[in-house]
């Protein structure tokens, strides 16, 4: 499924989506996620397409995985992310003053994931 379609589906969520007591994802979170992905594509010249999923915490999460390694990046604010890399379970929060700086960090995380994924 392409990125824009995934963003559009998240944007269309209503109250209590998925059968849970969840609120729609705020526009500022979705917009930040879209801007990050646009910047990452420009930095990397493309990217492995992630699954983009809404969370019950009113955020969105990008997910990449194969059988051995994984990367989850949650957009927690307009200029902040929380990420987890597996199998090491390295976890961190990261904030920036500009979307471009945040996108550079995300691009780096994706490159690490791709390198680990291709190493096996």
PDB file of N, CA and C in Angstrom:
ATOM      1  N   UNK A   1       0.866  -1.178   0.000  1.00  0.00           N
ATOM      2  CA  UNK A   1       0.000   0.000   0.000  1.00  0.00           C
ATOM      3  C   UNK A   1       0.906   1.232   0.000  1.00  0.00           C
ATOM      4  N   UNK A   2       0.595   2.208  -0.835  1.00  0.00           N
ATOM      5  CA  UNK A   2       1.501   3.354  -0.901  1.00  0.00           C
ATOM      6  C   UNK A   2       1.344   4.276   0.312  1.00  0.00           C
ATOM      7  N   UNK A   3       2.354   5.107   0.516  1.00  0.00           N
ATOM      8  CA  UNK A   3       2.388   5.958   1.704  1.00  0.00           C
ATOM      9  C   UNK A   3       1.192   6.903   1.787  1.00  0.00           C
ATOM     10  N   UNK A   4       0.872   7.571   0.678  1.00  0.00           N
ATOM     11  CA  UNK A   4      -0.220   8.546   0.720  1.00  0.00           C
ATOM     12  C   UNK A   4      -1.538   7.883   1.088  1.00  0.00           C
ATOM     13  N   UNK A   5      -1.782   6.693   0.570  1.00  0.00           N
ATOM     14  CA  UNK A   5      -3.021   5.984   0.897  1.00  0.00           C
ATOM     15  C   UNK A   5      -3.070   5.657   2.395  1.00  0.00           C
ATOM     16  N   UNK A   6      -1.927   5.266   2.953  1.00  0.00           N
ATOM     17  CA  UNK A   6      -1.889   4.969   4.383  1.00  0.00           C
ATOM     18  C   UNK A   6      -2.170   6.228   5.207  1.00  0.00           C
ATOM     19  N   UNK A   7      -1.564   7.347   4.817  1.00  0.00           N
ATOM     20  CA  UNK A   7      -1.829   8.605   5.523  1.00  0.00           C
ATOM     21  C   UNK A   7      -3.302   8.992   5.399  1.00  0.00           C
ATOM     22  N   UNK A   8      -3.885   8.838   4.207  1.00  0.00           N
ATOM     23  CA  UNK A   8      -5.290   9.185   3.995  1.00  0.00           C
ATOM     24  C   UNK A   8      -6.211   8.334   4.868  1.00  0.00           C
ATOM     25  N   UNK A   9      -5.908   7.041   4.997  1.00  0.00           N
ATOM     26  CA  UNK A   9      -6.720   6.166   5.842  1.00  0.00           C
ATOM     27  C   UNK A   9      -6.644   6.588   7.305  1.00  0.00           C
ATOM     28  N   UNK A  10      -5.478   6.970   7.761  1.00  0.00           N
ATOM     29  CA  UNK A  10      -5.328   7.432   9.144  1.00  0.00           C
ATOM     30  C   UNK A  10      -6.069   8.750   9.337  1.00  0.00           C
ATOM     31  N   UNK A  11      -5.962   9.627   8.364  1.00  0.00           N
ATOM     32  CA  UNK A  11      -6.642  10.929   8.436  1.00  0.00           C
ATOM     33  C   UNK A  11      -8.163  10.751   8.524  1.00  0.00           C
ATOM     34  N   UNK A  12      -8.704   9.687   7.955  1.00  0.00           N
ATOM     35  CA  UNK A  12     -10.148   9.450   7.926  1.00  0.00           C
ATOM     36  C   UNK A  12     -10.692   8.768   9.192  1.00  0.00           C
ATOM     37  N   UNK A  13      -9.833   8.394  10.127  1.00  0.00           N
ATOM     38  CA  UNK A  13     -10.300   7.715  11.346  1.00  0.00           C
ATOM     39  C   UNK A  13     -11.221   8.619  12.160  1.00  0.00           C
ATOM     40  N   UNK A  14     -12.253   8.005  12.715  1.00  0.00           N
ATOM     41  CA  UNK A  14     -13.221   8.713  13.565  1.00  0.00           C
ATOM     42  C   UNK A  14     -13.036   8.275  15.016  1.00  0.00           C
ATOM     43  N   UNK A  15     -13.789   8.897  15.927  1.00  0.00           N
ATOM     44  CA  UNK A  15     -13.762   8.478  17.332  1.00  0.00           C
ATOM     45  C   UNK A  15     -14.029   6.981  17.443  1.00  0.00           C
ATOM     46  N   UNK A  16     -13.357   6.350  18.393  1.00  0.00           N
ATOM     47  CA  UNK A  16     -13.521   4.932  18.692  1.00  0.00           C
ATOM     48  C   UNK A  16     -13.129   4.030  17.528  1.00  0.00           C
ATOM     49  N   UNK A  17     -12.158   4.468  16.733  1.00  0.00           N
ATOM     50  CA  UNK A  17     -11.709   3.652  15.599  1.00  0.00           C
ATOM     51  C   UNK A  17     -11.161   2.315  16.089  1.00  0.00           C
ATOM     52  N   UNK A  18     -11.311   1.313  15.276  1.00  0.00           N
ATOM     53  CA  UNK A  18     -10.789  -0.008  15.597  1.00  0.00           C
ATOM     54  C   UNK A  18     -11.500  -0.689  16.754  1.00  0.00           C
ATOM     55  N   UNK A  19     -12.671  -0.175  17.160  1.00  0.00           N
ATOM     56  CA  UNK A  19     -13.382  -0.786  18.271  1.00  0.00           C
ATOM     57  C   UNK A  19     -12.844  -0.397  19.635  1.00  0.00           C
ATOM     58  N   UNK A  20     -11.889   0.520  19.659  1.00  0.00           N
ATOM     59  CA  UNK A  20     -11.302   0.954  20.919  1.00  0.00           C
ATOM     60  C   UNK A  20     -11.756   2.377  21.215  1.00  0.00           C
ATOM     61  N   UNK A  21     -11.569   2.782  22.457  1.00  0.00           N
ATOM     62  CA  UNK A  21     -11.902   4.150  22.837  1.00  0.00           C
ATOM     63  C   UNK A  21     -10.701   5.018  22.447  1.00  0.00           C
ATOM     64  N   UNK A  22     -10.575   5.242  21.150  1.00  0.00           N
ATOM     65  CA  UNK A  22      -9.435   6.005  20.635  1.00  0.00           C
ATOM     66  C   UNK A  22      -9.936   7.230  19.892  1.00  0.00           C
ATOM     67  N   UNK A  23      -9.201   8.284  20.021  1.00  0.00           N
ATOM     68  CA  UNK A  23      -9.527   9.536  19.343  1.00  0.00           C
ATOM     69  C   UNK A  23      -8.868   9.537  17.960  1.00  0.00           C
ATOM     70  N   UNK A  24      -9.405  10.326  17.038  1.00  0.00           N
ATOM     71  CA  UNK A  24      -8.725  10.483  15.746  1.00  0.00           C
ATOM     72  C   UNK A  24      -7.314  11.035  15.967  1.00  0.00           C
ATOM     73  N   UNK A  25      -6.429  10.724  15.047  1.00  0.00           N
ATOM     74  CA  UNK A  25      -5.052  11.204  15.154  1.00  0.00           C
ATOM     75  C   UNK A  25      -5.035  12.695  14.798  1.00  0.00           C
ATOM     76  N   UNK A  26      -4.419  13.541  15.622  1.00  0.00           N
ATOM     77  CA  UNK A  26      -4.374  14.976  15.330  1.00  0.00           C
ATOM     78  C   UNK A  26      -3.686  15.275  13.993  1.00  0.00           C
ATOM     79  N   UNK A  27      -4.196  16.252  13.286  1.00  0.00           N
ATOM     80  CA  UNK A  27      -3.633  16.664  11.996  1.00  0.00           C
ATOM     81  C   UNK A  27      -2.154  16.997  12.113  1.00  0.00           C
ATOM     82  N   UNK A  28      -1.755  17.634  13.213  1.00  0.00           N
ATOM     83  CA  UNK A  28      -0.344  18.026  13.342  1.00  0.00           C
ATOM     84  C   UNK A  28       0.586  16.813  13.373  1.00  0.00           C
ATOM     85  N   UNK A  29       0.108  15.698  13.906  1.00  0.00           N
ATOM     86  CA  UNK A  29       0.901  14.469  13.941  1.00  0.00           C
ATOM     87  C   UNK A  29       0.987  13.876  12.538  1.00  0.00           C
ATOM     88  N   UNK A  30      -0.150  13.801  11.852  1.00  0.00           N
ATOM     89  CA  UNK A  30      -0.161  13.253  10.488  1.00  0.00           C
ATOM     90  C   UNK A  30       0.688  14.127   9.566  1.00  0.00           C
ATOM     91  N   UNK A  31       0.511  15.441   9.659  1.00  0.00           N
ATOM     92  CA  UNK A  31       1.304  16.363   8.835  1.00  0.00           C
ATOM     93  C   UNK A  31       2.794  16.187   9.098  1.00  0.00           C
ATOM     94  N   UNK A  32       3.174  16.050  10.365  1.00  0.00           N
ATOM     95  CA  UNK A  32       4.588  15.856  10.703  1.00  0.00           C
ATOM     96  C   UNK A  32       5.104  14.558  10.082  1.00  0.00           C
ATOM     97  N   UNK A  33       4.311  13.502  10.168  1.00  0.00           N
ATOM     98  CA  UNK A  33       4.712  12.221   9.572  1.00  0.00           C
ATOM     99  C   UNK A  33       4.905  12.332   8.075  1.00  0.00           C
ATOM    100  N   UNK A  34       3.995  13.025   7.402  1.00  0.00           N
ATOM    101  CA  UNK A  34       4.125  13.211   5.951  1.00  0.00           C
ATOM    102  C   UNK A  34       5.380  14.017   5.618  1.00  0.00           C
ATOM    103  N   UNK A  35       5.621  15.086   6.354  1.00  0.00           N
ATOM    104  CA  UNK A  35       6.795  15.923   6.094  1.00  0.00           C
ATOM    105  C   UNK A  35       8.090  15.143   6.329  1.00  0.00           C
ATOM    106  N   UNK A  36       8.107  14.346   7.380  1.00  0.00           N
ATOM    107  CA  UNK A  36       9.290  13.519   7.661  1.00  0.00           C
ATOM    108  C   UNK A  36       9.553  12.573   6.495  1.00  0.00           C
ATOM    109  N   UNK A  37       8.511  11.894   6.015  1.00  0.00           N
ATOM    110  CA  UNK A  37       8.700  10.938   4.922  1.00  0.00           C
ATOM    111  C   UNK A  37       9.136  11.620   3.636  1.00  0.00           C
ATOM    112  N   UNK A  38       8.592  12.791   3.327  1.00  0.00           N
ATOM    113  CA  UNK A  38       9.016  13.534   2.132  1.00  0.00           C
ATOM    114  C   UNK A  38      10.506  13.867   2.234  1.00  0.00           C
ATOM    115  N   UNK A  39      10.922  14.367   3.389  1.00  0.00           N
ATOM    116  CA  UNK A  39      12.330  14.723   3.603  1.00  0.00           C
ATOM    117  C   UNK A  39      13.226  13.487   3.522  1.00  0.00           C
ATOM    118  N   UNK A  40      12.788  12.379   4.121  1.00  0.00           N
ATOM    119  CA  UNK A  40      13.591  11.152   4.112  1.00  0.00           C
ATOM    120  C   UNK A  40      13.779  10.652   2.683  1.00  0.00           C
ATOM    121  N   UNK A  41      12.731  10.686   1.885  1.00  0.00           N
ATOM    122  CA  UNK A  41      12.846  10.261   0.482  1.00  0.00           C
ATOM    123  C   UNK A  41      13.863  11.141  -0.247  1.00  0.00           C
ATOM    124  N   UNK A  42      13.839  12.434   0.017  1.00  0.00           N
ATOM    125  CA  UNK A  42      14.810  13.336  -0.619  1.00  0.00           C
ATOM    126  C   UNK A  42      16.233  13.029  -0.151  1.00  0.00           C
ATOM    127  N   UNK A  43      16.401  12.723   1.112  1.00  0.00           N
ATOM    128  CA  UNK A  43      17.725  12.433   1.667  1.00  0.00           C
ATOM    129  C   UNK A  43      18.266  11.110   1.121  1.00  0.00           C
ATOM    130  N   UNK A  44      17.420  10.077   1.124  1.00  0.00           N
ATOM    131  CA  UNK A  44      17.868   8.733   0.749  1.00  0.00           C
ATOM    132  C   UNK A  44      17.667   8.419  -0.731  1.00  0.00           C
ATOM    133  N   UNK A  45      16.890   9.252  -1.434  1.00  0.00           N
ATOM    134  CA  UNK A  45      16.588   8.952  -2.827  1.00  0.00           C
ATOM    135  C   UNK A  45      15.549   7.851  -2.970  1.00  0.00           C
ATOM    136  N   UNK A  46      14.800   7.597  -1.926  1.00  0.00           N
ATOM    137  CA  UNK A  46      13.792   6.538  -1.878  1.00  0.00           C
ATOM    138  C   UNK A  46      13.818   5.936  -0.487  1.00  0.00           C
ATOM    139  N   UNK A  47      12.955   4.997  -0.248  1.00  0.00           N
ATOM    140  CA  UNK A  47      12.993   4.320   1.040  1.00  0.00           C
ATOM    141  C   UNK A  47      12.189   3.044   0.974  1.00  0.00           C
ATOM    142  N   UNK A  48      12.539   2.064   1.825  1.00  0.00           N
ATOM    143  CA  UNK A  48      11.693   0.877   1.909  1.00  0.00           C
ATOM    144  C   UNK A  48      10.355   1.310   2.511  1.00  0.00           C
ATOM    145  N   UNK A  49       9.269   0.941   1.874  1.00  0.00           N
ATOM    146  CA  UNK A  49       7.967   1.436   2.329  1.00  0.00           C
ATOM    147  C   UNK A  49       7.595   0.852   3.689  1.00  0.00           C
ATOM    148  N   UNK A  50       7.295   1.721   4.630  1.00  0.00           N
ATOM    149  CA  UNK A  50       6.879   1.238   5.952  1.00  0.00           C
ATOM    150  C   UNK A  50       5.377   0.972   6.001  1.00  0.00           C
ATOM    151  N   UNK A  51       4.973   0.224   7.009  1.00  0.00           N
ATOM    152  CA  UNK A  51       3.560   0.227   7.401  1.00  0.00           C
ATOM    153  C   UNK A  51       3.401   1.469   8.264  1.00  0.00           C
ATOM    154  N   UNK A  52       2.313   2.180   8.071  1.00  0.00           N
ATOM    155  CA  UNK A  52       2.035   3.344   8.914  1.00  0.00           C
ATOM    156  C   UNK A  52       0.776   3.008   9.689  1.00  0.00           C
ATOM    157  N   UNK A  53       0.895   2.985  11.010  1.00  0.00           N
ATOM    158  CA  UNK A  53      -0.240   2.579  11.830  1.00  0.00           C
ATOM    159  C   UNK A  53      -0.572   3.650  12.863  1.00  0.00           C
ATOM    160  N   UNK A  54      -1.862   3.833  13.123  1.00  0.00           N
ATOM    161  CA  UNK A  54      -2.258   4.745  14.201  1.00  0.00           C
ATOM    162  C   UNK A  54      -2.071   4.038  15.538  1.00  0.00           C
ATOM    163  N   UNK A  55      -1.860   4.811  16.582  1.00  0.00           N
ATOM    164  CA  UNK A  55      -1.779   4.220  17.919  1.00  0.00           C
ATOM    165  C   UNK A  55      -2.921   4.758  18.784  1.00  0.00           C
ATOM    166  N   UNK A  56      -3.234   4.037  19.806  1.00  0.00           N
ATOM    167  CA  UNK A  56      -4.289   4.461  20.731  1.00  0.00           C
ATOM    168  C   UNK A  56      -3.889   5.714  21.510  1.00  0.00           C
ATOM    169  N   UNK A  57      -2.599   6.076  21.450  1.00  0.00           N
ATOM    170  CA  UNK A  57      -2.105   7.285  22.122  1.00  0.00           C
ATOM    171  C   UNK A  57      -2.196   8.524  21.230  1.00  0.00           C
ATOM    172  N   UNK A  58      -2.933   8.412  20.124  1.00  0.00           N
ATOM    173  CA  UNK A  58      -3.122   9.527  19.175  1.00  0.00           C
ATOM    174  C   UNK A  58      -1.822   9.934  18.488  1.00  0.00           C
ATOM    175  N   UNK A  59      -1.007   8.951  18.160  1.00  0.00           N
ATOM    176  CA  UNK A  59       0.215   9.171  17.398  1.00  0.00           C
ATOM    177  C   UNK A  59       0.176   8.245  16.182  1.00  0.00           C
ATOM    178  N   UNK A  60       1.187   8.347  15.335  1.00  0.00           N
ATOM    179  CA  UNK A  60       1.339   7.379  14.259  1.00  0.00           C
ATOM    180  C   UNK A  60       2.700   6.733  14.380  1.00  0.00           C
ATOM    181  N   UNK A  61       2.790   5.525  13.844  1.00  0.00           N
ATOM    182  CA  UNK A  61       4.034   4.777  13.946  1.00  0.00           C
ATOM    183  C   UNK A  61       4.383   4.215  12.575  1.00  0.00           C
ATOM    184  N   UNK A  62       5.659   4.380  12.182  1.00  0.00           N
ATOM    185  CA  UNK A  62       6.193   3.771  10.971  1.00  0.00           C
ATOM    186  C   UNK A  62       6.856   2.472  11.389  1.00  0.00           C
ATOM    187  N   UNK A  63       6.600   1.398  10.646  1.00  0.00           N
ATOM    188  CA  UNK A  63       7.167   0.098  11.000  1.00  0.00           C
ATOM    189  C   UNK A  63       7.832  -0.548   9.796  1.00  0.00           C
ATOM    190  N   UNK A  64       9.064  -1.001  10.004  1.00  0.00           N
ATOM    191  CA  UNK A  64       9.792  -1.794   9.015  1.00  0.00           C
ATOM    192  C   UNK A  64      10.244  -3.050   9.737  1.00  0.00           C
ATOM    193  N   UNK A  65      10.145  -4.196   9.063  1.00  0.00           N
ATOM    194  CA  UNK A  65      10.673  -5.413   9.672  1.00  0.00           C
ATOM    195  C   UNK A  65      10.922  -6.478   8.622  1.00  0.00           C
ATOM    196  N   UNK A  66      11.833  -7.362   8.968  1.00  0.00           N
ATOM    197  CA  UNK A  66      12.006  -8.601   8.236  1.00  0.00           C
ATOM    198  C   UNK A  66      12.077  -9.687   9.306  1.00  0.00           C
ATOM    199  N   UNK A  67      12.539 -10.852   8.969  1.00  0.00           N
ATOM    200  CA  UNK A  67      12.526 -11.945   9.945  1.00  0.00           C
ATOM    201  C   UNK A  67      13.510 -11.769  11.095  1.00  0.00           C
ATOM    202  N   UNK A  68      14.511 -10.894  10.909  1.00  0.00           N
ATOM    203  CA  UNK A  68      15.556 -10.782  11.927  1.00  0.00           C
ATOM    204  C   UNK A  68      15.638  -9.434  12.608  1.00  0.00           C
ATOM    205  N   UNK A  69      15.334  -8.365  11.892  1.00  0.00           N
ATOM    206  CA  UNK A  69      15.497  -7.019  12.443  1.00  0.00           C
ATOM    207  C   UNK A  69      14.233  -6.203  12.223  1.00  0.00           C
ATOM    208  N   UNK A  70      14.085  -5.180  13.038  1.00  0.00           N
ATOM    209  CA  UNK A  70      12.920  -4.314  12.907  1.00  0.00           C
ATOM    210  C   UNK A  70      13.224  -2.904  13.367  1.00  0.00           C
ATOM    211  N   UNK A  71      12.371  -1.994  12.918  1.00  0.00           N
ATOM    212  CA  UNK A  71      12.482  -0.599  13.312  1.00  0.00           C
ATOM    213  C   UNK A  71      11.076  -0.032  13.432  1.00  0.00           C
ATOM    214  N   UNK A  72      10.798   0.587  14.558  1.00  0.00           N
ATOM    215  CA  UNK A  72       9.528   1.279  14.787  1.00  0.00           C
ATOM    216  C   UNK A  72       9.847   2.717  15.153  1.00  0.00           C
ATOM    217  N   UNK A  73       9.233   3.649  14.425  1.00  0.00           N
ATOM    218  CA  UNK A  73       9.421   5.071  14.706  1.00  0.00           C
ATOM    219  C   UNK A  73       8.050   5.682  14.926  1.00  0.00           C
ATOM    220  N   UNK A  74       7.820   6.157  16.127  1.00  0.00           N
ATOM    221  CA  UNK A  74       6.536   6.771  16.483  1.00  0.00           C
ATOM    222  C   UNK A  74       6.681   8.285  16.438  1.00  0.00           C
ATOM    223  N   UNK A  75       5.791   8.934  15.700  1.00  0.00           N
ATOM    224  CA  UNK A  75       5.765  10.397  15.656  1.00  0.00           C
ATOM    225  C   UNK A  75       4.926  10.842  16.848  1.00  0.00           C
ATOM    226  N   UNK A  76       5.584  11.404  17.850  1.00  0.00           N
ATOM    227  CA  UNK A  76       4.916  11.746  19.104  1.00  0.00           C
ATOM    228  C   UNK A  76       4.542  13.213  19.204  1.00  0.00           C
ATOM    229  N   UNK A  77       5.067  14.021  18.281  1.00  0.00           N
ATOM    230  CA  UNK A  77       4.764  15.447  18.244  1.00  0.00           C
ATOM    231  C   UNK A  77       5.234  16.008  16.926  1.00  0.00           C
ATOM    232  N   UNK A  78       4.952  17.260  16.666  1.00  0.00           N
ATOM    233  CA  UNK A  78       5.353  17.852  15.395  1.00  0.00           C
ATOM    234  C   UNK A  78       6.858  17.795  15.126  1.00  0.00           C
ATOM    235  N   UNK A  79       7.653  17.780  16.181  1.00  0.00           N
ATOM    236  CA  UNK A  79       9.105  17.730  16.022  1.00  0.00           C
ATOM    237  C   UNK A  79       9.746  16.699  16.954  1.00  0.00           C
ATOM    238  N   UNK A  80       9.038  15.599  17.224  1.00  0.00           N
ATOM    239  CA  UNK A  80       9.599  14.595  18.125  1.00  0.00           C
ATOM    240  C   UNK A  80       9.186  13.192  17.717  1.00  0.00           C
ATOM    241  N   UNK A  81      10.102  12.255  17.979  1.00  0.00           N
ATOM    242  CA  UNK A  81       9.864  10.839  17.693  1.00  0.00           C
ATOM    243  C   UNK A  81      10.314   9.992  18.875  1.00  0.00           C
ATOM    244  N   UNK A  82       9.838   8.772  18.888  1.00  0.00           N
ATOM    245  CA  UNK A  82      10.292   7.736  19.808  1.00  0.00           C
ATOM    246  C   UNK A  82      10.569   6.539  18.912  1.00  0.00           C
ATOM    247  N   UNK A  83      11.739   5.914  19.058  1.00  0.00           N
ATOM    248  CA  UNK A  83      12.023   4.780  18.183  1.00  0.00           C
ATOM    249  C   UNK A  83      12.542   3.586  18.958  1.00  0.00           C
ATOM    250  N   UNK A  84      12.332   2.398  18.360  1.00  0.00           N
ATOM    251  CA  UNK A  84      12.822   1.137  18.908  1.00  0.00           C
ATOM    252  C   UNK A  84      13.423   0.353  17.752  1.00  0.00           C
ATOM    253  N   UNK A  85      14.661  -0.122  17.952  1.00  0.00           N
ATOM    254  CA  UNK A  85      15.317  -0.979  16.979  1.00  0.00           C
ATOM    255  C   UNK A  85      15.385  -2.382  17.571  1.00  0.00           C
ATOM    256  N   UNK A  86      15.034  -3.388  16.787  1.00  0.00           N
ATOM    257  CA  UNK A  86      15.150  -4.773  17.239  1.00  0.00           C
ATOM    258  C   UNK A  86      16.101  -5.510  16.301  1.00  0.00           C
ATOM    259  N   UNK A  87      16.783  -6.540  16.761  1.00  0.00           N
ATOM    260  CA  UNK A  87      16.568  -7.268  18.002  1.00  0.00           C
ATOM    261  C   UNK A  87      17.286  -6.683  19.217  1.00  0.00           C
ATOM    262  N   UNK A  88      18.055  -5.606  19.049  1.00  0.00           N
ATOM    263  CA  UNK A  88      18.807  -5.050  20.175  1.00  0.00           C
ATOM    264  C   UNK A  88      17.911  -4.344  21.186  1.00  0.00           C
ATOM    265  N   UNK A  89      16.698  -3.999  20.779  1.00  0.00           N
ATOM    266  CA  UNK A  89      15.768  -3.243  21.614  1.00  0.00           C
ATOM    267  C   UNK A  89      16.355  -1.919  22.087  1.00  0.00           C
ATOM    268  N   UNK A  90      17.180  -1.330  21.198  1.00  0.00           N
ATOM    269  CA  UNK A  90      17.659   0.021  21.468  1.00  0.00           C
ATOM    270  C   UNK A  90      16.461   0.952  21.323  1.00  0.00           C
ATOM    271  N   UNK A  91      16.290   1.793  22.314  1.00  0.00           N
ATOM    272  CA  UNK A  91      15.115   2.659  22.359  1.00  0.00           C
ATOM    273  C   UNK A  91      15.558   4.060  22.743  1.00  0.00           C
ATOM    274  N   UNK A  92      14.959   5.053  22.103  1.00  0.00           N
ATOM    275  CA  UNK A  92      15.310   6.430  22.439  1.00  0.00           C
ATOM    276  C   UNK A  92      14.208   7.381  21.989  1.00  0.00           C
ATOM    277  N   UNK A  93      14.228   8.551  22.560  1.00  0.00           N
ATOM    278  CA  UNK A  93      13.348   9.647  22.149  1.00  0.00           C
ATOM    279  C   UNK A  93      14.245  10.709  21.533  1.00  0.00           C
ATOM    280  N   UNK A  94      13.719  11.401  20.544  1.00  0.00           N
ATOM    281  CA  UNK A  94      14.514  12.398  19.851  1.00  0.00           C
ATOM    282  C   UNK A  94      13.622  13.560  19.474  1.00  0.00           C
ATOM    283  N   UNK A  95      14.080  14.758  19.738  1.00  0.00           N
ATOM    284  CA  UNK A  95      13.367  15.980  19.349  1.00  0.00           C
ATOM    285  C   UNK A  95      14.322  16.878  18.587  1.00  0.00           C
ATOM    286  N   UNK A  96      13.753  17.716  17.740  1.00  0.00           N
ATOM    287  CA  UNK A  96      14.563  18.636  16.952  1.00  0.00           C
ATOM    288  C   UNK A  96      13.846  19.972  16.854  1.00  0.00           C
ATOM    289  N   UNK A  97      14.573  20.969  16.412  1.00  0.00           N
ATOM    290  CA  UNK A  97      13.969  22.287  16.221  1.00  0.00           C
ATOM    291  C   UNK A  97      13.427  22.462  14.812  1.00  0.00           C
ATOM    292  N   UNK A  98      13.890  21.583  13.884  1.00  0.00           N
ATOM    293  CA  UNK A  98      13.440  21.664  12.495  1.00  0.00           C
ATOM    294  C   UNK A  98      13.079  20.281  11.992  1.00  0.00           C
ATOM    295  N   UNK A  99      12.117  20.220  11.086  1.00  0.00           N
ATOM    296  CA  UNK A  99      11.689  18.936  10.531  1.00  0.00           C
ATOM    297  C   UNK A  99      12.827  18.275   9.747  1.00  0.00           C
ATOM    298  N   UNK A 100      13.670  19.088   9.089  1.00  0.00           N
ATOM    299  CA  UNK A 100      14.791  18.527   8.335  1.00  0.00           C
ATOM    300  C   UNK A 100      15.780  17.792   9.216  1.00  0.00           C
ATOM    301  N   UNK A 101      16.037  18.328  10.402  1.00  0.00           N
ATOM    302  CA  UNK A 101      16.939  17.678  11.355  1.00  0.00           C
ATOM    303  C   UNK A 101      16.341  16.362  11.839  1.00  0.00           C
ATOM    304  N   UNK A 102      15.050  16.374  12.100  1.00  0.00           N
ATOM    305  CA  UNK A 102      14.359  15.156  12.514  1.00  0.00           C
ATOM    306  C   UNK A 102      14.402  14.119  11.397  1.00  0.00           C
ATOM    307  N   UNK A 103      14.195  14.552  10.165  1.00  0.00           N
ATOM    308  CA  UNK A 103      14.228  13.642   9.017  1.00  0.00           C
ATOM    309  C   UNK A 103      15.614  13.025   8.832  1.00  0.00           C
ATOM    310  N   UNK A 104      16.664  13.789   9.094  1.00  0.00           N
ATOM    311  CA  UNK A 104      18.024  13.230   9.014  1.00  0.00           C
ATOM    312  C   UNK A 104      18.199  12.081   9.998  1.00  0.00           C
ATOM    313  N   UNK A 105      17.678  12.252  11.202  1.00  0.00           N
ATOM    314  CA  UNK A 105      17.770  11.182  12.208  1.00  0.00           C
ATOM    315  C   UNK A 105      16.999   9.948  11.747  1.00  0.00           C
ATOM    316  N   UNK A 106      15.798  10.154  11.215  1.00  0.00           N
ATOM    317  CA  UNK A 106      14.983   9.042  10.725  1.00  0.00           C
ATOM    318  C   UNK A 106      15.696   8.343   9.564  1.00  0.00           C
ATOM    319  N   UNK A 107      16.266   9.116   8.643  1.00  0.00           N
ATOM    320  CA  UNK A 107      16.991   8.532   7.510  1.00  0.00           C
ATOM    321  C   UNK A 107      18.147   7.666   8.002  1.00  0.00           C
ATOM    322  N   UNK A 108      18.866   8.143   9.019  1.00  0.00           N
ATOM    323  CA  UNK A 108      19.961   7.368   9.583  1.00  0.00           C
ATOM    324  C   UNK A 108      19.455   6.052  10.168  1.00  0.00           C
ATOM    325  N   UNK A 109      18.342   6.105  10.890  1.00  0.00           N
ATOM    326  CA  UNK A 109      17.771   4.886  11.473  1.00  0.00           C
ATOM    327  C   UNK A 109      17.359   3.894  10.390  1.00  0.00           C
ATOM    328  N   UNK A 110      16.791   4.399   9.300  1.00  0.00           N
ATOM    329  CA  UNK A 110      16.383   3.524   8.200  1.00  0.00           C
ATOM    330  C   UNK A 110      17.602   2.889   7.546  1.00  0.00           C
ATOM    331  N   UNK A 111      18.681   3.661   7.379  1.00  0.00           N
ATOM    332  CA  UNK A 111      19.907   3.099   6.802  1.00  0.00           C
ATOM    333  C   UNK A 111      20.474   1.993   7.678  1.00  0.00           C
ATOM    334  N   UNK A 112      20.459   2.181   8.975  1.00  0.00           N
ATOM    335  CA  UNK A 112      20.927   1.136   9.895  1.00  0.00           C
ATOM    336  C   UNK A 112      20.061  -0.110   9.744  1.00  0.00           C
ATOM    337  N   UNK A 113      18.746   0.079   9.693  1.00  0.00           N
ATOM    338  CA  UNK A 113      17.843  -1.060   9.504  1.00  0.00           C
ATOM    339  C   UNK A 113      18.169  -1.792   8.201  1.00  0.00           C
ATOM    340  N   UNK A 114      18.303  -1.036   7.097  1.00  0.00           N
ATOM    341  CA  UNK A 114      18.593  -1.670   5.809  1.00  0.00           C
ATOM    342  C   UNK A 114      19.924  -2.420   5.837  1.00  0.00           C
ATOM    343  N   UNK A 115      20.945  -1.836   6.447  1.00  0.00           N
ATOM    344  CA  UNK A 115      22.241  -2.505   6.541  1.00  0.00           C
ATOM    345  C   UNK A 115      22.141  -3.808   7.333  1.00  0.00           C
ATOM    346  N   UNK A 116      21.427  -3.786   8.441  1.00  0.00           N
ATOM    347  CA  UNK A 116      21.242  -4.992   9.246  1.00  0.00           C
ATOM    348  C   UNK A 116      20.415  -6.030   8.490  1.00  0.00           C
ATOM    349  N   UNK A 117      19.394  -5.564   7.804  1.00  0.00           N
ATOM    350  CA  UNK A 117      18.516  -6.459   7.055  1.00  0.00           C
ATOM    351  C   UNK A 117      19.276  -7.149   5.918  1.00  0.00           C
ATOM    352  N   UNK A 118      20.154  -6.414   5.246  1.00  0.00           N
ATOM    353  CA  UNK A 118      20.902  -6.956   4.109  1.00  0.00           C
ATOM    354  C   UNK A 118      22.121  -7.758   4.529  1.00  0.00           C
ATOM    355  N   UNK A 119      22.507  -7.688   5.805  1.00  0.00           N
ATOM    356  CA  UNK A 119      23.703  -8.367   6.289  1.00  0.00           C
ATOM    357  C   UNK A 119      23.509  -9.868   6.451  1.00  0.00           C
ATOM    358  N   UNK A 120      22.285 -10.311   6.471  1.00  0.00           N
ATOM    359  CA  UNK A 120      22.058 -11.717   6.769  1.00  0.00           C
ATOM    360  C   UNK A 120      21.771 -12.522   5.588  1.00  0.00           C
TER     361      UNK A 120
END
